[in-house]
Amino acid sequence: MINKIITILVDDEKDSRESLQNYLGKYCPEVEVVDTCANIQEARLAIKQHQPQLVFLDIEMPYGNAFDLLDQLEEVNFEIVFVTAFSQYAIPALNLSATYYILKPVDIDELIAAVNKVKEQIEEQGQTERVAVLKEHLKGKHHRLVLPLIDGFEVIEIENILYCEAADNFTCFYLQSGQKHLICRNLKFYDTLLSEQGFCRIHRSTLINMTYVQRYIKGKGGTVILKSGQELAVAQSKKQHFLEQMMGGNYS
């Protein structure tokens, strides 16, 4: 059981640092803030000195942003909760790497949820791998996806995903290897993430990797047959979108 989580706050705005520290003291007593930093230079020194378990890290700061700090560290052996006023280029990358973040102004429930997630992961080894995947996505290299599991996480190659299937508020990933992973996030979340990676929503409950489409059989909506043999129904409302993506133009 974790008694205290040694924590550093990094934000260039004094009011934001003080507000977050007050929220943590009031709502997350297991978090022990040992230092606060206004820029990445101070943060780098504080991390070296305190060896924190958790760092709350503002994304946009003058004189170097959060990702510049991560690039300067030899090893990232602590959990990170990113704090942002919403950066369109960063949020998809954070989601693909299953990295925790909260939006400004900080919502108490989101803060508590983030700390609870960190507590679950604090004894797991692998934060370095998640950060590596995050850096890949920030550089436009969308090769891997981090799937949060009950007992940790798994990094998979996006090209190895055959299709994803909705299961209530969960998503089941079917991989080329025959493995399946049930993830506690809905299909819409992964549809948004993977639609730019060659995936197509063919049904309200099905998202497929177009690379594995072998055949399409006409019908009211039709049926897709994957190279692995799975037959998946295409909803009538999704048919035109699928065929346009498949054929590169109108098809009926």
C-alpha atoms as a PDB file:
ATOM      1  CA  MET A   1       0.000   0.000   0.000  1.00  0.00           C
ATOM      2  CA  ILE A   2       1.313   3.445  -0.960  1.00  0.00           C
ATOM      3  CA  ASN A   3       1.646   5.889   1.940  1.00  0.00           C
ATOM      4  CA  LYS A   4       2.939   8.974   0.136  1.00  0.00           C
ATOM      5  CA  ILE A   5       3.583   9.740  -3.534  1.00  0.00           C
ATOM      6  CA  ILE A   6       6.632  12.004  -3.825  1.00  0.00           C
ATOM      7  CA  THR A   7       5.554  14.668  -6.323  1.00  0.00           C
ATOM      8  CA  ILE A   8       6.863  17.704  -8.207  1.00  0.00           C
ATOM      9  CA  LEU A   9       4.710  20.355  -9.901  1.00  0.00           C
ATOM     10  CA  VAL A  10       5.985  22.096 -13.044  1.00  0.00           C
ATOM     11  CA  ASP A  11       4.082  25.118 -14.373  1.00  0.00           C
ATOM     12  CA  ASP A  12       5.296  28.568 -15.422  1.00  0.00           C
ATOM     13  CA  GLU A  13       2.225  30.237 -13.874  1.00  0.00           C
ATOM     14  CA  LYS A  14       2.535  30.793 -10.112  1.00  0.00           C
ATOM     15  CA  ASP A  15      -1.242  30.896  -9.595  1.00  0.00           C
ATOM     16  CA  SER A  16      -1.633  27.560 -11.386  1.00  0.00           C
ATOM     17  CA  ARG A  17       1.080  25.938  -9.275  1.00  0.00           C
ATOM     18  CA  GLU A  18      -0.431  27.198  -6.037  1.00  0.00           C
ATOM     19  CA  SER A  19      -3.969  26.227  -7.066  1.00  0.00           C
ATOM     20  CA  LEU A  20      -2.924  22.702  -8.029  1.00  0.00           C
ATOM     21  CA  GLN A  21      -0.909  22.293  -4.837  1.00  0.00           C
ATOM     22  CA  ASN A  22      -3.908  23.387  -2.763  1.00  0.00           C
ATOM     23  CA  TYR A  23      -6.231  20.976  -4.599  1.00  0.00           C
ATOM     24  CA  LEU A  24      -3.814  18.094  -4.090  1.00  0.00           C
ATOM     25  CA  GLY A  25      -3.436  18.883  -0.393  1.00  0.00           C
ATOM     26  CA  LYS A  26      -7.199  18.976   0.096  1.00  0.00           C
ATOM     27  CA  TYR A  27      -8.420  16.159  -2.177  1.00  0.00           C
ATOM     28  CA  CYS A  28      -5.389  13.892  -2.660  1.00  0.00           C
ATOM     29  CA  PRO A  29      -3.624  13.656   0.722  1.00  0.00           C
ATOM     30  CA  GLU A  30      -1.493  10.728  -0.447  1.00  0.00           C
ATOM     31  CA  VAL A  31       0.330  13.134  -2.805  1.00  0.00           C
ATOM     32  CA  GLU A  32       3.290  14.823  -1.124  1.00  0.00           C
ATOM     33  CA  VAL A  33       4.474  17.846  -3.112  1.00  0.00           C
ATOM     34  CA  VAL A  34       8.214  18.238  -2.400  1.00  0.00           C
ATOM     35  CA  ASP A  35       8.974  20.965  -4.953  1.00  0.00           C
ATOM     36  CA  THR A  36       7.383  23.309  -7.465  1.00  0.00           C
ATOM     37  CA  CYS A  37       9.125  24.554 -10.608  1.00  0.00           C
ATOM     38  CA  ALA A  38       8.477  27.414 -13.030  1.00  0.00           C
ATOM     39  CA  ASN A  39      10.429  26.086 -16.039  1.00  0.00           C
ATOM     40  CA  ILE A  40      12.092  22.974 -17.399  1.00  0.00           C
ATOM     41  CA  GLN A  41      15.532  23.982 -16.143  1.00  0.00           C
ATOM     42  CA  GLU A  42      14.278  24.069 -12.554  1.00  0.00           C
ATOM     43  CA  ALA A  43      12.314  20.865 -13.173  1.00  0.00           C
ATOM     44  CA  ARG A  44      15.346  18.962 -14.455  1.00  0.00           C
ATOM     45  CA  LEU A  45      17.324  19.833 -11.311  1.00  0.00           C
ATOM     46  CA  ALA A  46      14.383  19.062  -8.992  1.00  0.00           C
ATOM     47  CA  ILE A  47      13.817  15.665 -10.604  1.00  0.00           C
ATOM     48  CA  LYS A  48      17.483  14.790 -10.165  1.00  0.00           C
ATOM     49  CA  GLN A  49      17.441  15.926  -6.523  1.00  0.00           C
ATOM     50  CA  HIS A  50      14.140  14.451  -5.327  1.00  0.00           C
ATOM     51  CA  GLN A  51      13.722  11.354  -7.560  1.00  0.00           C
ATOM     52  CA  PRO A  52       9.926  11.828  -7.610  1.00  0.00           C
ATOM     53  CA  GLN A  53       7.351   9.141  -8.214  1.00  0.00           C
ATOM     54  CA  LEU A  54       5.010  11.611  -9.924  1.00  0.00           C
ATOM     55  CA  VAL A  55       5.410  14.853 -11.864  1.00  0.00           C
ATOM     56  CA  PHE A  56       2.530  17.150 -12.825  1.00  0.00           C
ATOM     57  CA  LEU A  57       3.843  18.745 -15.989  1.00  0.00           C
ATOM     58  CA  ASP A  58       2.397  21.739 -17.807  1.00  0.00           C
ATOM     59  CA  ILE A  59       2.711  21.215 -21.563  1.00  0.00           C
ATOM     60  CA  GLU A  60       3.025  24.781 -22.851  1.00  0.00           C
ATOM     61  CA  MET A  61       5.729  26.826 -21.157  1.00  0.00           C
ATOM     62  CA  PRO A  62       8.112  29.525 -22.398  1.00  0.00           C
ATOM     63  CA  TYR A  63      11.769  28.643 -22.912  1.00  0.00           C
ATOM     64  CA  GLY A  64      11.030  24.976 -23.507  1.00  0.00           C
ATOM     65  CA  ASN A  65       7.870  22.855 -23.250  1.00  0.00           C
ATOM     66  CA  ALA A  66       7.135  19.585 -21.441  1.00  0.00           C
ATOM     67  CA  PHE A  67       8.410  17.431 -24.279  1.00  0.00           C
ATOM     68  CA  ASP A  68      11.707  19.310 -24.365  1.00  0.00           C
ATOM     69  CA  LEU A  69      12.137  18.346 -20.712  1.00  0.00           C
ATOM     70  CA  LEU A  70      11.488  14.679 -21.441  1.00  0.00           C
ATOM     71  CA  ASP A  71      14.047  14.775 -24.256  1.00  0.00           C
ATOM     72  CA  GLN A  72      16.647  16.113 -21.829  1.00  0.00           C
ATOM     73  CA  LEU A  73      16.169  13.351 -19.269  1.00  0.00           C
ATOM     74  CA  GLU A  74      18.254  10.207 -19.585  1.00  0.00           C
ATOM     75  CA  GLU A  75      15.496   8.129 -18.022  1.00  0.00           C
ATOM     76  CA  VAL A  76      11.867   8.727 -17.129  1.00  0.00           C
ATOM     77  CA  ASN A  77      11.252   6.497 -14.108  1.00  0.00           C
ATOM     78  CA  PHE A  78       8.315   8.426 -12.678  1.00  0.00           C
ATOM     79  CA  GLU A  79       4.653   8.756 -13.564  1.00  0.00           C
ATOM     80  CA  ILE A  80       3.515  11.886 -15.406  1.00  0.00           C
ATOM     81  CA  VAL A  81       0.224  13.744 -15.395  1.00  0.00           C
ATOM     82  CA  PHE A  82       0.309  16.374 -18.125  1.00  0.00           C
ATOM     83  CA  VAL A  83      -1.586  19.608 -17.527  1.00  0.00           C
ATOM     84  CA  THR A  84      -2.757  21.584 -20.538  1.00  0.00           C
ATOM     85  CA  ALA A  85      -5.139  24.302 -21.638  1.00  0.00           C
ATOM     86  CA  PHE A  86      -5.756  21.995 -24.651  1.00  0.00           C
ATOM     87  CA  SER A  87      -3.186  21.619 -27.364  1.00  0.00           C
ATOM     88  CA  GLN A  88      -4.587  20.056 -30.507  1.00  0.00           C
ATOM     89  CA  TYR A  89      -1.261  18.667 -31.644  1.00  0.00           C
ATOM     90  CA  ALA A  90      -0.538  17.053 -28.276  1.00  0.00           C
ATOM     91  CA  ILE A  91      -3.845  15.532 -27.129  1.00  0.00           C
ATOM     92  CA  PRO A  92      -4.043  12.769 -29.811  1.00  0.00           C
ATOM     93  CA  ALA A  93      -0.451  11.775 -29.042  1.00  0.00           C
ATOM     94  CA  LEU A  94      -1.224  11.618 -25.323  1.00  0.00           C
ATOM     95  CA  ASN A  95      -4.241   9.405 -26.013  1.00  0.00           C
ATOM     96  CA  LEU A  96      -2.335   7.058 -28.324  1.00  0.00           C
ATOM     97  CA  SER A  97       0.309   6.558 -25.647  1.00  0.00           C
ATOM     98  CA  ALA A  98      -2.259   6.156 -22.835  1.00  0.00           C
ATOM     99  CA  THR A  99      -0.649   9.039 -20.977  1.00  0.00           C
ATOM    100  CA  TYR A 100      -2.621  10.787 -18.242  1.00  0.00           C
ATOM    101  CA  TYR A 101      -3.573  14.429 -18.668  1.00  0.00           C
ATOM    102  CA  ILE A 102      -5.938  16.959 -17.171  1.00  0.00           C
ATOM    103  CA  LEU A 103      -7.241  20.132 -18.745  1.00  0.00           C
ATOM    104  CA  LYS A 104      -7.055  23.661 -17.380  1.00  0.00           C
ATOM    105  CA  PRO A 105      -8.878  24.943 -15.445  1.00  0.00           C
ATOM    106  CA  VAL A 106      -8.324  21.830 -13.322  1.00  0.00           C
ATOM    107  CA  ASP A 107     -11.479  19.870 -12.518  1.00  0.00           C
ATOM    108  CA  ILE A 108     -11.402  18.238  -9.059  1.00  0.00           C
ATOM    109  CA  ASP A 109     -12.944  14.955 -10.244  1.00  0.00           C
ATOM    110  CA  GLU A 110     -10.461  14.712 -13.133  1.00  0.00           C
ATOM    111  CA  LEU A 111      -7.589  15.409 -10.751  1.00  0.00           C
ATOM    112  CA  ILE A 112      -8.686  12.714  -8.305  1.00  0.00           C
ATOM    113  CA  ALA A 113      -9.183  10.238 -11.182  1.00  0.00           C
ATOM    114  CA  ALA A 114      -5.695  10.959 -12.530  1.00  0.00           C
ATOM    115  CA  VAL A 115      -4.106  10.438  -9.108  1.00  0.00           C
ATOM    116  CA  ASN A 116      -6.023   7.173  -8.670  1.00  0.00           C
ATOM    117  CA  LYS A 117      -4.727   5.946 -12.039  1.00  0.00           C
ATOM    118  CA  VAL A 118      -1.195   6.870 -11.034  1.00  0.00           C
ATOM    119  CA  LYS A 119      -1.553   4.935  -7.766  1.00  0.00           C
ATOM    120  CA  GLU A 120      -2.536   1.851  -9.764  1.00  0.00           C
ATOM    121  CA  GLN A 121       0.550   2.184 -11.969  1.00  0.00           C
ATOM    122  CA  ILE A 122       3.093   3.416  -9.457  1.00  0.00           C
ATOM    123  CA  GLU A 123       4.598  -0.033  -8.856  1.00  0.00           C
ATOM    124  CA  GLU A 124       4.544  -1.024 -12.520  1.00  0.00           C
ATOM    125  CA  GLN A 125       7.708  -0.809 -14.608  1.00  0.00           C
ATOM    126  CA  GLY A 126       7.207   0.658 -18.046  1.00  0.00           C
ATOM    127  CA  GLN A 127       6.665   4.413 -17.835  1.00  0.00           C
ATOM    128  CA  THR A 128       9.811   4.770 -19.956  1.00  0.00           C
ATOM    129  CA  GLU A 129       8.128   2.751 -22.709  1.00  0.00           C
ATOM    130  CA  ARG A 130       4.955   4.857 -22.600  1.00  0.00           C
ATOM    131  CA  VAL A 131       7.013   8.033 -22.895  1.00  0.00           C
ATOM    132  CA  ALA A 132       8.916   6.520 -25.833  1.00  0.00           C
ATOM    133  CA  VAL A 133       5.624   5.854 -27.622  1.00  0.00           C
ATOM    134  CA  LEU A 134       4.452   9.386 -26.811  1.00  0.00           C
ATOM    135  CA  LYS A 135       7.605  10.862 -28.364  1.00  0.00           C
ATOM    136  CA  GLU A 136       7.070   8.777 -31.515  1.00  0.00           C
ATOM    137  CA  HIS A 137       3.551  10.137 -31.964  1.00  0.00           C
ATOM    138  CA  LEU A 138       4.618  13.714 -31.335  1.00  0.00           C
ATOM    139  CA  LYS A 139       7.140  13.291 -34.151  1.00  0.00           C
ATOM    140  CA  GLY A 140       4.438  11.957 -36.479  1.00  0.00           C
ATOM    141  CA  LYS A 141       5.561   8.325 -36.205  1.00  0.00           C
ATOM    142  CA  HIS A 142       2.275   6.578 -35.523  1.00  0.00           C
ATOM    143  CA  HIS A 143       3.477   2.982 -35.303  1.00  0.00           C
ATOM    144  CA  ARG A 144       2.507   1.881 -31.815  1.00  0.00           C
ATOM    145  CA  LEU A 145      -0.444   2.110 -29.454  1.00  0.00           C
ATOM    146  CA  VAL A 146      -0.479   1.732 -25.667  1.00  0.00           C
ATOM    147  CA  LEU A 147      -3.445  -0.269 -24.375  1.00  0.00           C
ATOM    148  CA  PRO A 148      -4.259   0.260 -20.682  1.00  0.00           C
ATOM    149  CA  LEU A 149      -4.921  -3.082 -18.989  1.00  0.00           C
ATOM    150  CA  ILE A 150      -6.234  -3.934 -15.526  1.00  0.00           C
ATOM    151  CA  ASP A 151      -2.764  -4.973 -14.348  1.00  0.00           C
ATOM    152  CA  GLY A 152      -0.695  -2.458 -16.350  1.00  0.00           C
ATOM    153  CA  PHE A 153      -0.513  -1.803 -20.070  1.00  0.00           C
ATOM    154  CA  GLU A 154       0.630  -3.378 -23.323  1.00  0.00           C
ATOM    155  CA  VAL A 155       2.332  -1.704 -26.269  1.00  0.00           C
ATOM    156  CA  ILE A 156       1.183  -3.063 -29.620  1.00  0.00           C
ATOM    157  CA  GLU A 157       2.053  -2.319 -33.223  1.00  0.00           C
ATOM    158  CA  ILE A 158      -0.891  -0.558 -34.881  1.00  0.00           C
ATOM    159  CA  GLU A 159      -0.296  -2.537 -38.074  1.00  0.00           C
ATOM    160  CA  ASN A 160      -1.023  -5.765 -36.143  1.00  0.00           C
ATOM    161  CA  ILE A 161      -4.589  -4.763 -35.244  1.00  0.00           C
ATOM    162  CA  LEU A 162      -7.126  -6.639 -37.406  1.00  0.00           C
ATOM    163  CA  TYR A 163     -10.219  -4.941 -36.074  1.00  0.00           C
ATOM    164  CA  CYS A 164     -11.834  -3.501 -32.954  1.00  0.00           C
ATOM    165  CA  GLU A 165     -15.274  -4.391 -31.661  1.00  0.00           C
ATOM    166  CA  ALA A 166     -17.499  -2.532 -29.230  1.00  0.00           C
ATOM    167  CA  ALA A 167     -18.577  -4.336 -26.061  1.00  0.00           C
ATOM    168  CA  ASP A 168     -20.788  -1.881 -24.179  1.00  0.00           C
ATOM    169  CA  ASN A 169     -18.356   0.779 -22.904  1.00  0.00           C
ATOM    170  CA  PHE A 170     -15.363  -1.457 -23.625  1.00  0.00           C
ATOM    171  CA  THR A 171     -13.442  -2.138 -26.831  1.00  0.00           C
ATOM    172  CA  CYS A 172     -12.124  -5.560 -27.794  1.00  0.00           C
ATOM    173  CA  PHE A 173      -8.940  -5.519 -29.901  1.00  0.00           C
ATOM    174  CA  TYR A 174      -8.381  -8.488 -32.237  1.00  0.00           C
ATOM    175  CA  LEU A 175      -4.753  -8.863 -33.252  1.00  0.00           C
ATOM    176  CA  GLN A 176      -3.084 -10.648 -36.146  1.00  0.00           C
ATOM    177  CA  SER A 177      -1.460 -13.045 -33.676  1.00  0.00           C
ATOM    178  CA  GLY A 178      -4.865 -14.270 -32.516  1.00  0.00           C
ATOM    179  CA  GLN A 179      -4.661 -12.383 -29.220  1.00  0.00           C
ATOM    180  CA  LYS A 180      -7.592 -10.389 -27.892  1.00  0.00           C
ATOM    181  CA  HIS A 181      -7.519  -7.455 -25.465  1.00  0.00           C
ATOM    182  CA  LEU A 182     -10.592  -6.011 -23.758  1.00  0.00           C
ATOM    183  CA  ILE A 183      -9.922  -2.346 -23.012  1.00  0.00           C
ATOM    184  CA  CYS A 184     -11.937  -0.079 -20.716  1.00  0.00           C
ATOM    185  CA  ARG A 185     -12.585   2.631 -23.297  1.00  0.00           C
ATOM    186  CA  ASN A 186     -15.381   2.884 -25.830  1.00  0.00           C
ATOM    187  CA  LEU A 187     -15.045   2.310 -29.567  1.00  0.00           C
ATOM    188  CA  LYS A 188     -15.652   5.976 -30.408  1.00  0.00           C
ATOM    189  CA  PHE A 189     -12.453   6.861 -28.544  1.00  0.00           C
ATOM    190  CA  TYR A 190     -10.376   4.501 -30.695  1.00  0.00           C
ATOM    191  CA  ASP A 191     -12.253   5.431 -33.862  1.00  0.00           C
ATOM    192  CA  THR A 192     -11.097   9.021 -33.345  1.00  0.00           C
ATOM    193  CA  LEU A 193      -7.510   7.913 -32.699  1.00  0.00           C
ATOM    194  CA  LEU A 194      -7.178   5.381 -35.506  1.00  0.00           C
ATOM    195  CA  SER A 195      -9.227   6.934 -38.321  1.00  0.00           C
ATOM    196  CA  GLU A 196      -6.070   8.671 -39.574  1.00  0.00           C
ATOM    197  CA  GLN A 197      -4.107   5.412 -39.405  1.00  0.00           C
ATOM    198  CA  GLY A 198      -5.987   3.523 -42.139  1.00  0.00           C
ATOM    199  CA  PHE A 199      -8.944   2.319 -40.051  1.00  0.00           C
ATOM    200  CA  CYS A 200     -12.597   2.552 -41.048  1.00  0.00           C
ATOM    201  CA  ARG A 201     -15.778   2.371 -38.963  1.00  0.00           C
ATOM    202  CA  ILE A 202     -17.988  -0.066 -40.892  1.00  0.00           C
ATOM    203  CA  HIS A 203     -20.606  -0.499 -38.183  1.00  0.00           C
ATOM    204  CA  ARG A 204     -21.506   1.186 -34.899  1.00  0.00           C
ATOM    205  CA  SER A 205     -19.782  -1.760 -33.200  1.00  0.00           C
ATOM    206  CA  THR A 206     -16.902  -2.443 -35.616  1.00  0.00           C
ATOM    207  CA  LEU A 207     -13.717  -0.620 -36.624  1.00  0.00           C
ATOM    208  CA  ILE A 208     -11.470  -2.387 -39.135  1.00  0.00           C
ATOM    209  CA  ASN A 209      -7.897  -2.067 -40.340  1.00  0.00           C
ATOM    210  CA  MET A 210      -8.330  -1.545 -44.096  1.00  0.00           C
ATOM    211  CA  THR A 211      -4.974  -3.223 -44.747  1.00  0.00           C
ATOM    212  CA  TYR A 212      -6.549  -6.599 -43.967  1.00  0.00           C
ATOM    213  CA  VAL A 213      -9.628  -6.313 -46.200  1.00  0.00           C
ATOM    214  CA  GLN A 214      -9.563  -9.174 -48.711  1.00  0.00           C
ATOM    215  CA  ARG A 215     -13.067  -9.129 -50.143  1.00  0.00           C
ATOM    216  CA  TYR A 216     -16.321  -7.235 -50.051  1.00  0.00           C
ATOM    217  CA  ILE A 217     -19.648  -8.938 -50.714  1.00  0.00           C
ATOM    218  CA  LYS A 218     -22.492  -6.692 -51.865  1.00  0.00           C
ATOM    219  CA  GLY A 219     -25.694  -6.470 -49.897  1.00  0.00           C
ATOM    220  CA  LYS A 220     -27.939  -3.970 -48.167  1.00  0.00           C
ATOM    221  CA  GLY A 221     -24.862  -2.975 -46.241  1.00  0.00           C
ATOM    222  CA  GLY A 222     -22.649  -5.790 -47.362  1.00  0.00           C
ATOM    223  CA  THR A 223     -20.025  -7.969 -45.742  1.00  0.00           C
ATOM    224  CA  VAL A 224     -16.282  -7.516 -45.390  1.00  0.00           C
ATOM    225  CA  ILE A 225     -14.045 -10.569 -45.344  1.00  0.00           C
ATOM    226  CA  LEU A 226     -10.630 -10.031 -43.791  1.00  0.00           C
ATOM    227  CA  LYS A 227      -7.463 -11.845 -44.835  1.00  0.00           C
ATOM    228  CA  SER A 228      -7.656 -13.691 -41.517  1.00  0.00           C
ATOM    229  CA  GLY A 229     -11.061 -15.103 -42.476  1.00  0.00           C
ATOM    230  CA  GLN A 230     -13.372 -13.039 -40.264  1.00  0.00           C
ATOM    231  CA  GLU A 231     -16.638 -11.958 -41.868  1.00  0.00           C
ATOM    232  CA  LEU A 232     -17.878  -8.595 -40.607  1.00  0.00           C
ATOM    233  CA  ALA A 233     -21.154  -6.874 -41.432  1.00  0.00           C
ATOM    234  CA  VAL A 234     -21.144  -3.398 -42.957  1.00  0.00           C
ATOM    235  CA  ALA A 235     -23.981  -1.163 -41.767  1.00  0.00           C
ATOM    236  CA  GLN A 236     -26.021   0.385 -44.570  1.00  0.00           C
ATOM    237  CA  SER A 237     -25.267   3.838 -43.171  1.00  0.00           C
ATOM    238  CA  LYS A 238     -21.509   3.120 -43.281  1.00  0.00           C
ATOM    239  CA  LYS A 239     -21.419   1.447 -46.702  1.00  0.00           C
ATOM    240  CA  GLN A 240     -20.688   4.515 -48.837  1.00  0.00           C
ATOM    241  CA  HIS A 241     -17.946   5.726 -46.496  1.00  0.00           C
ATOM    242  CA  PHE A 242     -16.314   2.289 -46.491  1.00  0.00           C
ATOM    243  CA  LEU A 243     -16.441   1.906 -50.275  1.00  0.00           C
ATOM    244  CA  GLU A 244     -15.108   5.400 -50.851  1.00  0.00           C
ATOM    245  CA  GLN A 245     -12.204   4.699 -48.529  1.00  0.00           C
ATOM    246  CA  MET A 246     -11.624   1.334 -50.155  1.00  0.00           C
ATOM    247  CA  MET A 247     -11.944   2.413 -53.781  1.00  0.00           C
ATOM    248  CA  GLY A 248     -10.769   5.998 -53.485  1.00  0.00           C
ATOM    249  CA  GLY A 249     -13.988   7.412 -54.893  1.00  0.00           C
ATOM    250  CA  ASN A 250     -17.751   6.908 -55.231  1.00  0.00           C
ATOM    251  CA  TYR A 251     -18.962   3.350 -55.554  1.00  0.00           C
ATOM    252  CA  SER A 252     -22.418   1.883 -55.288  1.00  0.00           C
END
